């Protein structure tokens, strides 16, 4: 059975009967909301029933024309822009900001305080820990893992920054505290242990520069022209 808070403002085109919408959540025009939970309270607020959760939830903000597919859980104090699309079973923790036009694949986990820039494309089963910054137009392939603790479990978290237009290949691992430069490419399966400068391609374990992005783009263009 679903639940929609009396405090919520819901302008969506469709809300599934099993959706749970808590607190002063706002959902924009023409959004599609499947059987999901939006506005889930943080751990310190959990009181055991959806009625009491509704009382303590600070709600979330979902933009116009967003698509939130079934099984996803969006915590309170999350801001999601317009034209954002989520796959199934996506988890988004509190204080995360997702800008317009972002696509997030099925089973991806986004922890607390993450920032994702406009038109980023994050594929399925990606793990994004607290504090990660992903800039505009970044692509992250399936099963990539980002970390934020060099010596786990430590008391210090050191987030990763992925600059505008970078590409992270499938199954890549980014070690805590590094920066991936603007437009750079991290090959599939690479383990990146130090900063990657702008405009290069890195591969391997540990990842090392193997070419410039100009070469990568030429290869991609040739590949796309193949019959």
Protein backbone atom coordinates (compact mmCIF):
# COMPACT_ATOMS: atom_id res chain seq x y z
CA UNK A 1 0.00 0.00 0.00
CA UNK A 2 1.34 3.42 -0.93
CA UNK A 3 1.45 6.64 1.05
CA UNK A 4 1.55 10.28 -0.05
CA UNK A 5 2.17 12.88 2.62
CA UNK A 6 -0.34 15.69 3.02
CA UNK A 7 2.69 17.99 3.04
CA UNK A 8 3.91 16.82 -0.37
CA UNK A 9 3.32 18.75 -3.60
CA UNK A 10 2.95 16.24 -6.42
CA UNK A 11 2.42 17.45 -9.98
CA UNK A 12 3.55 14.20 -11.60
CA UNK A 13 1.84 12.73 -14.65
CA UNK A 14 1.84 9.28 -13.02
CA UNK A 15 2.38 8.03 -9.46
CA UNK A 16 2.17 4.28 -8.82
CA UNK A 17 -0.34 3.16 -6.19
CA UNK A 18 2.51 1.62 -4.17
CA UNK A 19 4.71 4.74 -4.11
CA UNK A 20 5.65 6.17 -0.69
CA UNK A 21 6.19 9.95 -0.72
CA UNK A 22 7.18 11.42 2.63
CA UNK A 23 7.36 14.89 4.15
CA UNK A 24 7.32 18.15 2.16
CA UNK A 25 8.57 16.45 -1.00
CA UNK A 26 7.97 18.27 -4.27
CA UNK A 27 7.61 16.41 -7.57
CA UNK A 28 7.55 18.39 -10.79
CA UNK A 29 5.22 18.39 -13.76
CA UNK A 30 4.99 15.37 -16.04
CA UNK A 31 7.24 13.26 -13.80
CA UNK A 32 6.70 9.50 -13.68
CA UNK A 33 7.00 7.89 -10.24
CA UNK A 34 6.88 4.10 -10.01
CA UNK A 35 6.70 2.04 -6.79
CA UNK A 36 9.48 3.89 -4.94
CA UNK A 37 10.21 5.64 -1.65
CA UNK A 38 10.96 9.38 -1.77
CA UNK A 39 11.97 11.42 1.29
CA UNK A 40 13.21 8.49 3.36
CA UNK A 41 14.48 9.82 6.72
CA UNK A 42 18.10 9.56 7.80
CA UNK A 43 19.07 6.92 10.34
CA UNK A 44 18.66 9.14 13.39
CA UNK A 45 15.04 9.86 12.51
CA UNK A 46 13.75 6.35 11.93
CA UNK A 47 10.75 5.79 14.19
CA UNK A 48 9.24 2.59 12.85
CA UNK A 49 6.13 3.53 10.86
CA UNK A 50 5.53 5.53 7.72
CA UNK A 51 3.18 7.90 9.55
CA UNK A 52 5.90 8.88 12.01
CA UNK A 53 8.53 8.87 9.26
CA UNK A 54 6.35 11.37 7.45
CA UNK A 55 6.40 13.67 10.47
CA UNK A 56 10.20 13.77 10.63
CA UNK A 57 11.07 13.62 6.92
CA UNK A 58 12.35 16.85 5.37
CA UNK A 59 11.30 15.59 1.95
CA UNK A 60 13.12 15.58 -1.38
CA UNK A 61 12.83 17.63 -4.56
CA UNK A 62 12.18 15.94 -7.91
CA UNK A 63 12.18 18.04 -11.08
CA UNK A 64 9.88 18.16 -14.09
CA UNK A 65 9.70 15.14 -16.40
CA UNK A 66 11.85 12.98 -14.13
CA UNK A 67 11.41 9.21 -14.40
CA UNK A 68 11.87 7.33 -11.10
CA UNK A 69 11.61 3.57 -11.73
CA UNK A 70 10.43 0.90 -9.31
CA UNK A 71 12.44 -0.16 -6.28
CA UNK A 72 14.38 3.08 -5.98
CA UNK A 73 14.82 4.81 -2.62
CA UNK A 74 15.54 8.53 -2.45
CA UNK A 75 16.40 9.96 0.96
CA UNK A 76 15.35 13.31 2.37
CA UNK A 77 17.29 16.44 1.40
CA UNK A 78 18.00 15.09 -2.09
CA UNK A 79 17.57 17.50 -5.01
CA UNK A 80 16.98 15.98 -8.45
CA UNK A 81 16.69 18.25 -11.50
CA UNK A 82 14.47 18.11 -14.54
CA UNK A 83 14.63 15.35 -17.18
CA UNK A 84 16.53 13.00 -14.87
CA UNK A 85 15.99 9.28 -15.45
CA UNK A 86 16.64 6.49 -12.93
CA UNK A 87 16.72 2.76 -13.58
CA UNK A 88 15.27 0.28 -11.11
CA UNK A 89 16.54 -0.13 -7.53
CA UNK A 90 18.66 3.02 -7.43
CA UNK A 91 19.62 4.24 -3.93
CA UNK A 92 20.29 7.96 -3.42
CA UNK A 93 21.30 9.10 0.06
CA UNK A 94 20.69 12.46 1.73
CA UNK A 95 22.20 15.82 0.68
CA UNK A 96 22.92 14.61 -2.84
CA UNK A 97 22.39 16.99 -5.74
CA UNK A 98 21.68 15.70 -9.25
CA UNK A 99 21.44 18.29 -12.02
CA UNK A 100 19.21 18.31 -15.10
CA UNK A 101 19.37 15.59 -17.73
CA UNK A 102 21.32 13.00 -15.71
CA UNK A 103 20.74 9.28 -16.38
CA UNK A 104 21.45 6.71 -13.67
CA UNK A 105 21.34 2.98 -14.35
CA UNK A 106 19.73 0.14 -12.43
CA UNK A 107 21.22 -0.87 -9.09
CA UNK A 108 23.53 2.14 -8.74
CA UNK A 109 24.25 3.33 -5.19
CA UNK A 110 24.88 7.02 -4.53
CA UNK A 111 25.88 7.83 -0.97
CA UNK A 112 25.56 11.05 1.06
CA UNK A 113 26.51 14.48 -0.24
CA UNK A 114 27.35 13.55 -3.85
CA UNK A 115 27.16 16.18 -6.60
CA UNK A 116 26.39 15.09 -10.19
CA UNK A 117 26.52 17.64 -12.99
CA UNK A 118 24.19 18.21 -15.90
CA UNK A 119 23.79 15.44 -18.51
CA UNK A 120 26.11 12.97 -16.77
CA UNK A 121 25.43 9.34 -17.69
CA UNK A 122 26.00 6.75 -14.97
CA UNK A 123 25.32 3.19 -16.03
CA UNK A 124 24.16 0.21 -13.94
CA UNK A 125 25.66 -1.09 -10.68
CA UNK A 126 28.02 1.84 -10.09
CA UNK A 127 29.09 2.64 -6.51
CA UNK A 128 29.55 6.35 -5.66
CA UNK A 129 30.57 7.11 -2.04
CA UNK A 130 30.09 10.15 0.18
CA UNK A 131 31.27 13.48 -1.16
CA UNK A 132 32.12 12.44 -4.73
CA UNK A 133 31.94 15.24 -7.30
CA UNK A 134 30.98 14.26 -10.85
CA UNK A 135 30.93 17.18 -13.25
CA UNK A 136 28.85 17.90 -16.35
CA UNK A 137 28.78 15.36 -19.17
CA UNK A 138 30.75 12.61 -17.41
CA UNK A 139 30.16 9.00 -18.52
CA UNK A 140 30.65 6.14 -16.02
CA UNK A 141 30.39 2.56 -17.29
CA UNK A 142 28.72 -0.36 -15.48
CA UNK A 143 30.17 -1.79 -12.28
CA UNK A 144 32.66 1.03 -11.81
CA UNK A 145 33.66 1.61 -8.18
CA UNK A 146 34.67 4.93 -6.67
CA UNK A 147 36.23 4.97 -3.18
CA UNK A 148 36.83 7.69 -0.58
CA UNK A 149 39.01 6.03 2.07
CA UNK A 150 42.67 5.17 1.36
CA UNK A 151 43.14 3.13 4.55
CA UNK A 152 39.72 1.67 5.42
CA UNK A 153 38.12 1.89 7.80
CA UNK A 154 39.71 5.23 8.74
CA UNK A 155 38.30 8.42 10.25
CA UNK A 156 39.26 10.46 7.17
CA UNK A 157 37.31 10.49 3.94
CA UNK A 158 38.98 11.81 0.78
CA UNK A 159 36.47 12.12 -2.08
CA UNK A 160 37.19 11.66 -5.78
CA UNK A 161 36.56 14.46 -8.31
CA UNK A 162 35.71 13.58 -11.91
CA UNK A 163 36.01 16.63 -14.14
CA UNK A 164 33.79 17.66 -17.02
CA UNK A 165 33.38 15.24 -19.92
CA UNK A 166 35.59 12.47 -18.53
CA UNK A 167 34.87 8.83 -19.41
CA UNK A 168 35.20 6.02 -16.85
CA UNK A 169 35.14 2.53 -18.36
CA UNK A 170 33.28 -0.53 -17.06
CA UNK A 171 34.70 -2.16 -13.91
CA UNK A 172 37.21 0.64 -13.34
CA UNK A 173 38.19 1.46 -9.74
CA UNK A 174 39.06 4.99 -8.64
CA UNK A 175 41.07 5.16 -5.42
CA UNK A 176 40.23 7.81 -2.82
CA UNK A 177 41.42 11.37 -3.18
CA UNK A 178 42.25 11.47 -6.89
CA UNK A 179 41.06 13.80 -9.64
CA UNK A 180 40.20 12.65 -13.15
CA UNK A 181 41.00 15.52 -15.51
CA UNK A 182 38.61 17.14 -17.95
CA UNK A 183 37.90 14.99 -20.97
CA UNK A 184 40.18 12.15 -19.91
CA UNK A 185 39.37 8.48 -20.45
CA UNK A 186 39.87 5.66 -17.92
CA UNK A 187 39.89 2.29 -19.67
CA UNK A 188 37.71 -0.62 -18.59
CA UNK A 189 39.11 -2.52 -15.61
CA UNK A 190 41.73 0.11 -14.77
CA UNK A 191 42.68 0.82 -11.15
CA UNK A 192 43.47 4.53 -10.86
CA UNK A 193 45.68 5.38 -7.88
CA UNK A 194 46.76 8.95 -8.70
CA UNK A 195 45.50 12.05 -10.48
CA UNK A 196 44.85 11.82 -14.20
CA UNK A 197 45.66 15.01 -16.15
CA UNK A 198 43.19 16.45 -18.66
CA UNK A 199 42.98 14.98 -22.13
CA UNK A 200 44.72 11.64 -21.68
CA UNK A 201 43.78 7.94 -21.77
CA UNK A 202 44.90 5.69 -18.92
CA UNK A 203 44.69 1.91 -18.61
CA UNK A 204 46.01 -0.97 -16.52
CA UNK A 205 46.66 -1.85 -12.89
CA UNK A 206 47.84 0.55 -11.68
CA UNK A 207 46.59 2.84 -14.43
CA UNK A 208 49.17 4.56 -16.63
CA UNK A 209 48.88 6.95 -19.56
CA UNK A 210 48.74 5.08 -22.86
CA UNK A 211 47.63 7.80 -25.32
CA UNK A 212 46.01 11.17 -25.80
CA UNK A 213 42.25 11.63 -26.00
CA UNK A 214 42.62 12.93 -29.57
CA UNK A 215 43.73 9.44 -30.61
CA UNK A 216 40.84 7.87 -28.70
CA UNK A 217 38.32 10.15 -30.41
CA UNK A 218 39.72 9.32 -33.86
CA UNK A 219 39.37 5.61 -33.11
CA UNK A 220 35.82 6.11 -31.86
CA UNK A 221 34.85 8.05 -34.97
CA UNK A 222 36.29 5.33 -37.21
CA UNK A 223 34.47 2.66 -35.19
CA UNK A 224 31.16 4.51 -35.53
CA UNK A 225 31.58 4.67 -39.32
CA UNK A 226 32.03 0.92 -39.64
CA UNK A 227 29.07 -0.93 -41.20
